[in-house]
Amino acid sequence: MGEKERGNVRRAALVLAGCGALFLAAWVLLIRPAGDAPDDLGATPDRTPATPAKIRIALDEYPNAWHAFIFAAEEMGFLREQGVALEPVVAGAGRDPLRMLDEGKADLALASQPDVLLARNEGRPVVSVAAIVPRPLVYLMVPKDSPIHAPAHLAGRTVVLSGSPVHEAMLGTMLDSVPGGRPAAEMVTAEVPVAGMLLDGRADALLGPDIVDGKERLEQAGLELRLIEPMLYGVPFYYEKVLAAEERALAENRDLFGRVWTALARGFEYVEQHPAEAARRLAGAGVFDGNPAWTVSLEQLDERLPFMRADAGPFGVQDGKAWKETEKWLAGRALIDPSLNADDAFLDLAAEDGDR
């Protein structure tokens, strides 16, 4: 197959993602000519067994710079060295990636730490195996010239929410922190893109879009923003993105999941140490072609990598204290049963990887 035909196949695969699913099992065969990586970039020789184990990772949104470590692990051969073939899958707009674990359509899924606890509260046996973004990214957003500087200033104001029960709990916690009584703010859950209500003045504040991608889109639309940090007003430092697995599959294939994490951690290390080269190689690989929202650049990686680094320990490490604090907070907001034990909701593959 010639290079032109290879490119056509690659673009055709990406067009399918617009319909809600992205299957790139053949991607590795199309994008990496043998021997094209300099030795000092950490590329590994191809040691793929005759039939590598397929690992399906449900992304929390369409491919972007947050996912660079996953694609780098495939592009640089780290997954193949562990006898694994990657198949990224996009849950699609409005779809919960954790549901794909329930349905047997994915082996790993990106989701938030609170969403893992909410799922377990529903009896769904999902377990976090690594913290990908170990800090919250959702802040209260107001126009830069707004008189709102703290939750107390929300009295008589309209706050638009994205519809997540976790975001509603965040705003409620912030309002309840105000000395002298909770301000009477109007909460509106928008069925349409929530940013529009802040842009056209129908809302005074917004909580839902994150402080990286969401803030960037709003500012590109011409609205300068001020951010108000929920963690200053009683919201715990939860994990914005974790990698989760189904409990039984994890127990039955512990070694496989451990090998997958070893490769993904090496993918993050590569992206962190060589961001410019990672951006160039991943953009050239075609993963982010076909849609202007699917991009990866050095600037995007530089902006996101600090949020992904652990305060202490290796990439992906999880802290039992953070899980207990988030459990206590969600139980206090009546989102989960007080009997739910957060210790059962995570397994620290990053710490185990360090012990290998």
Protein backbone atom coordinates (compact mmCIF):
# COMPACT_ATOMS: atom_id res chain seq x y z
CA MET A 1 0.00 0.00 0.00
CA GLY A 2 1.45 3.40 -0.99
CA GLU A 3 1.68 6.48 1.22
CA LYS A 4 -1.29 8.12 -0.52
CA GLU A 5 -3.48 5.09 0.11
CA ARG A 6 -2.27 4.91 3.71
CA GLY A 7 -3.34 8.51 4.27
CA ASN A 8 -6.76 7.83 2.75
CA VAL A 9 -7.34 4.89 5.06
CA ARG A 10 -6.27 6.93 8.05
CA ARG A 11 -8.59 9.81 7.23
CA ALA A 12 -11.49 7.46 6.59
CA ALA A 13 -11.06 5.93 10.06
CA LEU A 14 -11.17 9.35 11.64
CA VAL A 15 -14.33 10.37 9.78
CA LEU A 16 -16.09 7.45 11.47
CA ALA A 17 -15.33 9.02 14.86
CA GLY A 18 -17.67 11.86 14.08
CA CYS A 19 -20.51 9.38 14.30
CA GLY A 20 -19.65 8.66 17.93
CA ALA A 21 -17.06 5.87 17.82
CA LEU A 22 -13.38 5.85 17.02
CA PHE A 23 -11.79 2.52 16.22
CA LEU A 24 -8.12 2.77 15.36
CA ALA A 25 -6.99 -0.83 15.74
CA ALA A 26 -5.25 -0.58 12.37
CA TRP A 27 -3.72 2.77 13.24
CA VAL A 28 -0.38 1.37 14.37
CA LEU A 29 0.04 -0.40 11.03
CA LEU A 30 -0.43 2.84 9.12
CA ILE A 31 1.56 5.47 10.98
CA ARG A 32 4.93 4.24 12.11
CA PRO A 33 7.53 3.17 9.61
CA ALA A 34 10.16 0.94 11.21
CA GLY A 35 13.28 2.63 12.45
CA ASP A 36 12.03 6.24 12.21
CA ALA A 37 12.60 7.22 15.86
CA PRO A 38 15.93 8.55 17.14
CA ASP A 39 17.43 6.38 19.88
CA ASP A 40 17.50 9.21 22.42
CA LEU A 41 13.71 9.59 22.30
CA GLY A 42 13.17 6.28 24.04
CA ALA A 43 11.62 4.29 21.20
CA THR A 44 11.65 0.56 21.84
CA PRO A 45 12.25 -2.28 19.40
CA ASP A 46 9.20 -4.10 18.09
CA ARG A 47 8.71 -7.15 20.29
CA THR A 48 5.06 -7.70 19.54
CA PRO A 49 3.92 -11.30 19.98
CA ALA A 50 2.09 -12.98 17.10
CA THR A 51 -1.28 -12.10 18.66
CA PRO A 52 -1.01 -9.07 20.96
CA ALA A 53 -3.73 -8.48 23.53
CA LYS A 54 -6.16 -5.77 22.41
CA ILE A 55 -6.84 -3.05 24.96
CA ARG A 56 -9.80 -0.74 24.34
CA ILE A 57 -9.58 2.66 26.03
CA ALA A 58 -12.75 4.77 26.14
CA LEU A 59 -11.76 8.43 25.84
CA ASP A 60 -13.77 11.03 27.74
CA GLU A 61 -13.96 13.25 24.62
CA TYR A 62 -12.63 13.31 21.09
CA PRO A 63 -8.85 12.86 20.82
CA ASN A 64 -6.91 15.89 22.05
CA ALA A 65 -3.73 16.87 23.87
CA TRP A 66 -4.95 15.40 27.19
CA HIS A 67 -4.72 12.00 25.51
CA ALA A 68 -1.22 12.48 24.09
CA PHE A 69 0.34 10.05 26.57
CA ILE A 70 -1.95 7.25 25.36
CA PHE A 71 -1.14 7.76 21.71
CA ALA A 72 2.54 8.29 22.48
CA ALA A 73 2.62 4.90 24.23
CA GLU A 74 1.38 3.33 20.99
CA GLU A 75 3.40 5.47 18.59
CA MET A 76 6.69 4.90 20.44
CA GLY A 77 6.15 1.15 20.72
CA PHE A 78 5.79 1.01 24.51
CA LEU A 79 2.46 -0.84 24.33
CA ARG A 80 3.73 -3.24 21.70
CA GLU A 81 6.72 -4.01 23.90
CA GLN A 82 4.22 -5.12 26.56
CA GLY A 83 2.37 -7.33 24.05
CA VAL A 84 -0.60 -4.97 23.75
CA ALA A 85 -2.40 -3.39 20.79
CA LEU A 86 -4.30 -0.16 21.41
CA GLU A 87 -7.88 0.47 20.30
CA PRO A 88 -9.07 3.95 21.37
CA VAL A 89 -12.85 4.36 21.48
CA VAL A 90 -14.80 7.60 21.86
CA ALA A 91 -17.90 7.33 24.00
CA GLY A 92 -19.57 10.15 22.05
CA ALA A 93 -21.37 13.34 23.04
CA GLY A 94 -23.35 12.94 26.25
CA ARG A 95 -22.15 9.35 26.78
CA ASP A 96 -20.56 8.20 30.02
CA PRO A 97 -17.28 6.39 29.26
CA LEU A 98 -17.80 4.28 32.40
CA ARG A 99 -20.94 2.84 30.79
CA MET A 100 -18.72 1.35 28.11
CA LEU A 101 -17.02 -0.69 30.84
CA ASP A 102 -20.42 -1.92 32.02
CA GLU A 103 -21.41 -2.82 28.46
CA GLY A 104 -18.16 -4.67 27.73
CA LYS A 105 -17.28 -2.15 24.99
CA ALA A 106 -14.08 -0.93 26.67
CA ASP A 107 -11.42 -2.29 29.01
CA LEU A 108 -10.33 1.09 30.41
CA ALA A 109 -12.14 4.42 30.53
CA LEU A 110 -11.30 8.01 31.37
CA ALA A 111 -13.71 9.62 33.84
CA SER A 112 -13.66 11.80 36.95
CA GLN A 113 -13.02 10.51 40.46
CA PRO A 114 -16.49 11.59 41.70
CA ASP A 115 -18.09 9.82 38.74
CA VAL A 116 -16.37 6.56 39.76
CA LEU A 117 -17.87 6.88 43.24
CA LEU A 118 -21.30 7.75 41.81
CA ALA A 119 -21.12 4.68 39.57
CA ARG A 120 -20.20 2.42 42.50
CA ASN A 121 -23.08 3.92 44.46
CA GLU A 122 -25.35 2.64 41.66
CA GLY A 123 -23.88 -0.85 42.06
CA ARG A 124 -21.63 -0.59 39.02
CA PRO A 125 -18.28 -2.28 39.85
CA VAL A 126 -15.81 0.19 38.35
CA VAL A 127 -12.39 0.82 39.90
CA SER A 128 -9.92 3.65 39.31
CA VAL A 129 -6.44 2.37 38.50
CA ALA A 130 -4.59 5.69 38.02
CA ALA A 131 -5.05 9.42 38.54
CA ILE A 132 -4.49 11.14 35.19
CA VAL A 133 -5.34 14.73 36.24
CA PRO A 134 -4.98 14.71 40.04
CA ARG A 135 -6.63 18.10 40.67
CA PRO A 136 -9.97 19.76 39.84
CA LEU A 137 -10.28 21.72 36.62
CA VAL A 138 -13.82 23.04 37.12
CA TYR A 139 -13.98 26.53 38.61
CA LEU A 140 -16.73 29.13 38.85
CA MET A 141 -16.33 31.46 35.86
CA VAL A 142 -17.55 35.06 35.73
CA PRO A 143 -16.81 37.92 33.32
CA LYS A 144 -13.63 39.75 34.25
CA ASP A 145 -15.54 42.99 34.90
CA SER A 146 -18.17 41.25 37.06
CA PRO A 147 -18.73 42.39 40.67
CA ILE A 148 -18.73 38.71 41.67
CA HIS A 149 -15.48 37.85 43.49
CA ALA A 150 -16.69 35.22 45.97
CA PRO A 151 -19.73 32.99 46.64
CA ALA A 152 -21.27 35.69 48.85
CA HIS A 153 -21.62 37.90 45.77
CA LEU A 154 -23.90 35.37 44.05
CA ALA A 155 -26.98 36.57 45.98
CA GLY A 156 -29.67 37.41 43.45
CA ARG A 157 -27.49 36.19 40.58
CA THR A 158 -28.08 33.46 38.01
CA VAL A 159 -25.55 30.63 37.79
CA VAL A 160 -25.73 28.26 34.84
CA LEU A 161 -24.60 24.65 35.39
CA SER A 162 -23.68 21.92 32.96
CA GLY A 163 -26.11 19.38 34.40
CA SER A 164 -23.63 17.20 36.28
CA PRO A 165 -24.78 16.41 39.84
CA VAL A 166 -21.14 16.86 40.91
CA HIS A 167 -21.10 20.43 39.59
CA GLU A 168 -24.37 21.18 41.38
CA ALA A 169 -22.81 19.83 44.58
CA MET A 170 -19.78 22.08 44.02
CA LEU A 171 -21.90 25.19 43.72
CA GLY A 172 -24.02 24.17 46.72
CA THR A 173 -20.88 23.67 48.80
CA MET A 174 -19.58 27.10 47.81
CA LEU A 175 -22.88 28.78 48.68
CA ASP A 176 -23.12 26.93 52.02
CA SER A 177 -19.66 28.22 52.97
CA VAL A 178 -20.84 31.84 53.14
CA PRO A 179 -20.92 33.11 56.75
CA GLY A 180 -24.33 34.27 57.87
CA GLY A 181 -26.37 32.07 55.57
CA ARG A 182 -26.57 30.72 52.08
CA PRO A 183 -27.03 33.39 49.37
CA ALA A 184 -30.19 33.08 47.29
CA ALA A 185 -28.69 32.37 43.89
CA GLU A 186 -30.70 30.98 41.00
CA MET A 187 -29.26 27.74 39.59
CA VAL A 188 -30.09 26.98 35.98
CA THR A 189 -29.23 23.71 34.28
CA ALA A 190 -28.88 24.37 30.57
CA GLU A 191 -29.84 21.81 27.95
CA VAL A 192 -27.99 23.86 25.32
CA PRO A 193 -24.28 24.73 25.45
CA VAL A 194 -23.94 26.44 28.80
CA ALA A 195 -21.28 28.89 27.65
CA GLY A 196 -23.83 30.67 25.47
CA MET A 197 -25.84 31.81 28.49
CA LEU A 198 -22.80 33.56 29.95
CA LEU A 199 -21.80 35.03 26.61
CA ASP A 200 -25.19 36.62 25.91
CA GLY A 201 -25.77 37.84 29.47
CA ARG A 202 -28.57 35.44 30.45
CA ALA A 203 -26.37 34.17 33.31
CA ASP A 204 -23.99 35.95 35.68
CA ALA A 205 -21.73 32.98 36.37
CA LEU A 206 -20.93 29.59 34.89
CA LEU A 207 -19.80 26.28 36.40
CA GLY A 208 -19.06 23.28 34.19
CA PRO A 209 -16.52 23.98 31.42
CA ASP A 210 -12.98 23.42 32.64
CA ILE A 211 -10.31 26.06 33.13
CA VAL A 212 -8.24 24.86 30.17
CA ASP A 213 -10.38 23.90 27.16
CA GLY A 214 -13.58 25.61 28.34
CA LYS A 215 -11.89 28.85 29.34
CA GLU A 216 -9.99 28.95 26.06
CA ARG A 217 -13.19 28.60 24.02
CA LEU A 218 -14.93 31.37 25.94
CA GLU A 219 -12.01 33.74 25.61
CA GLN A 220 -11.77 32.98 21.89
CA ALA A 221 -15.43 34.04 21.71
CA GLY A 222 -14.39 37.41 23.13
CA LEU A 223 -15.23 37.04 26.83
CA GLU A 224 -12.47 37.70 29.36
CA LEU A 225 -12.95 35.68 32.52
CA ARG A 226 -12.25 35.68 36.23
CA LEU A 227 -11.95 32.27 37.92
CA ILE A 228 -13.20 31.58 41.45
CA GLU A 229 -11.69 28.43 42.97
CA PRO A 230 -14.24 26.07 44.59
CA MET A 231 -11.52 24.43 46.69
CA LEU A 232 -11.25 27.66 48.71
CA TYR A 233 -14.87 27.20 49.77
CA GLY A 234 -15.16 23.59 50.94
CA VAL A 235 -14.87 21.50 47.76
CA PRO A 236 -12.14 18.84 48.14
CA PHE A 237 -9.20 18.42 45.76
CA TYR A 238 -10.72 15.57 43.79
CA TYR A 239 -9.17 13.95 40.69
CA GLU A 240 -10.57 15.48 37.51
CA LYS A 241 -9.51 12.54 35.32
CA VAL A 242 -8.82 8.96 36.35
CA LEU A 243 -8.37 5.78 34.34
CA ALA A 244 -10.90 3.17 35.42
CA ALA A 245 -11.50 -0.53 34.79
CA GLU A 246 -14.27 -3.02 35.52
CA GLU A 247 -13.61 -4.76 38.82
CA ARG A 248 -13.89 -8.37 37.66
CA ALA A 249 -11.84 -7.80 34.51
CA LEU A 250 -9.16 -6.15 36.62
CA ALA A 251 -9.04 -9.08 39.04
CA GLU A 252 -8.90 -11.65 36.23
CA ASN A 253 -6.29 -9.81 34.13
CA ARG A 254 -4.21 -7.99 36.73
CA ASP A 255 -0.93 -8.64 34.94
CA LEU A 256 -2.28 -7.33 31.62
CA PHE A 257 -3.56 -4.11 33.19
CA GLY A 258 -0.24 -3.70 34.97
CA ARG A 259 1.63 -4.03 31.68
CA VAL A 260 -0.71 -1.55 30.01
CA TRP A 261 -0.08 0.98 32.76
CA THR A 262 3.68 0.49 32.49
CA ALA A 263 3.43 1.43 28.81
CA LEU A 264 1.10 4.39 29.41
CA ALA A 265 3.37 5.76 32.13
CA ARG A 266 6.28 5.57 29.69
CA GLY A 267 4.11 7.41 27.17
CA PHE A 268 3.60 10.24 29.65
CA GLU A 269 7.31 10.32 30.47
CA TYR A 270 8.12 10.61 26.77
CA VAL A 271 5.61 13.44 26.24
CA GLU A 272 6.86 15.24 29.36
CA GLN A 273 10.53 14.98 28.42
CA HIS A 274 10.12 15.62 24.70
CA PRO A 275 6.93 17.72 24.28
CA ALA A 276 7.96 19.34 21.00
CA GLU A 277 8.91 16.01 19.44
CA ALA A 278 5.78 14.37 20.85
CA ALA A 279 3.57 17.07 19.35
CA ARG A 280 5.29 16.74 15.98
CA ARG A 281 5.14 12.94 15.88
CA LEU A 282 1.53 12.68 17.05
CA ALA A 283 0.33 15.38 14.67
CA GLY A 284 2.16 13.61 11.86
CA ALA A 285 0.66 10.27 12.85
CA GLY A 286 -2.79 11.42 11.73
CA VAL A 287 -4.55 10.76 15.04
CA PHE A 288 -5.74 14.35 15.27
CA ASP A 289 -6.48 14.94 11.58
CA GLY A 290 -9.91 15.54 10.08
CA ASN A 291 -11.43 17.87 12.67
CA PRO A 292 -10.08 21.24 13.86
CA ALA A 293 -11.09 20.35 17.43
CA TRP A 294 -8.74 17.35 17.38
CA THR A 295 -5.35 18.94 17.70
CA VAL A 296 -2.09 18.54 19.52
CA SER A 297 0.58 21.20 19.70
CA LEU A 298 3.55 22.09 21.86
CA GLU A 299 1.55 24.97 23.36
CA GLN A 300 -1.31 22.66 24.30
CA LEU A 301 1.00 20.11 25.87
CA ASP A 302 2.86 22.80 27.81
CA GLU A 303 -0.46 24.05 29.18
CA ARG A 304 -1.81 20.64 30.19
CA LEU A 305 1.23 18.73 31.47
CA PRO A 306 1.49 20.66 34.78
CA PHE A 307 -2.08 19.63 35.66
CA MET A 308 -1.21 15.97 35.04
CA ARG A 309 1.85 15.77 37.28
CA ALA A 310 1.41 14.28 40.74
CA ASP A 311 2.36 16.47 43.71
CA ALA A 312 4.38 13.55 45.05
CA GLY A 313 5.22 10.20 43.52
CA PRO A 314 5.03 8.95 39.93
CA PHE A 315 2.50 9.88 37.27
CA GLY A 316 -0.84 8.24 38.00
CA VAL A 317 -0.29 7.63 41.72
CA GLN A 318 -3.42 7.82 43.89
CA ASP A 319 -3.80 8.96 47.49
CA GLY A 320 -6.22 7.11 49.74
CA LYS A 321 -6.80 10.34 51.69
CA ALA A 322 -8.04 12.09 48.55
CA TRP A 323 -10.49 9.25 47.98
CA LYS A 324 -11.79 9.41 51.56
CA GLU A 325 -12.22 13.20 51.40
CA THR A 326 -14.14 12.98 48.14
CA GLU A 327 -16.27 10.14 49.55
CA LYS A 328 -17.08 12.21 52.64
CA TRP A 329 -17.97 15.26 50.54
CA LEU A 330 -20.28 13.37 48.17
CA ALA A 331 -21.97 11.59 51.07
CA GLY A 332 -22.46 14.95 52.79
CA ARG A 333 -24.17 16.27 49.65
CA ALA A 334 -26.41 13.13 49.59
CA LEU A 335 -24.97 11.96 46.26
CA ILE A 336 -23.71 8.63 47.60
CA ASP A 337 -24.67 6.37 50.48
CA PRO A 338 -22.58 7.00 53.63
CA SER A 339 -21.82 3.27 53.77
CA LEU A 340 -19.91 3.39 50.47
CA ASN A 341 -16.22 2.68 51.10
CA ALA A 342 -13.88 4.68 48.87
CA ASP A 343 -11.03 2.27 49.69
CA ASP A 344 -12.74 -0.23 47.38
CA ALA A 345 -12.98 2.29 44.53
CA PHE A 346 -9.32 2.46 43.55
CA LEU A 347 -6.28 0.29 42.96
CA ASP A 348 -2.92 2.03 42.58
CA LEU A 349 -1.24 0.57 39.49
CA ALA A 350 1.25 3.45 39.47
CA ALA A 351 2.58 2.48 42.90
CA GLU A 352 2.70 -1.17 41.86
CA ASP A 353 4.57 -0.22 38.70
CA GLY A 354 7.26 1.41 40.83
CA ASP A 355 7.62 -1.84 42.76
CA ARG A 356 8.23 -3.96 39.63
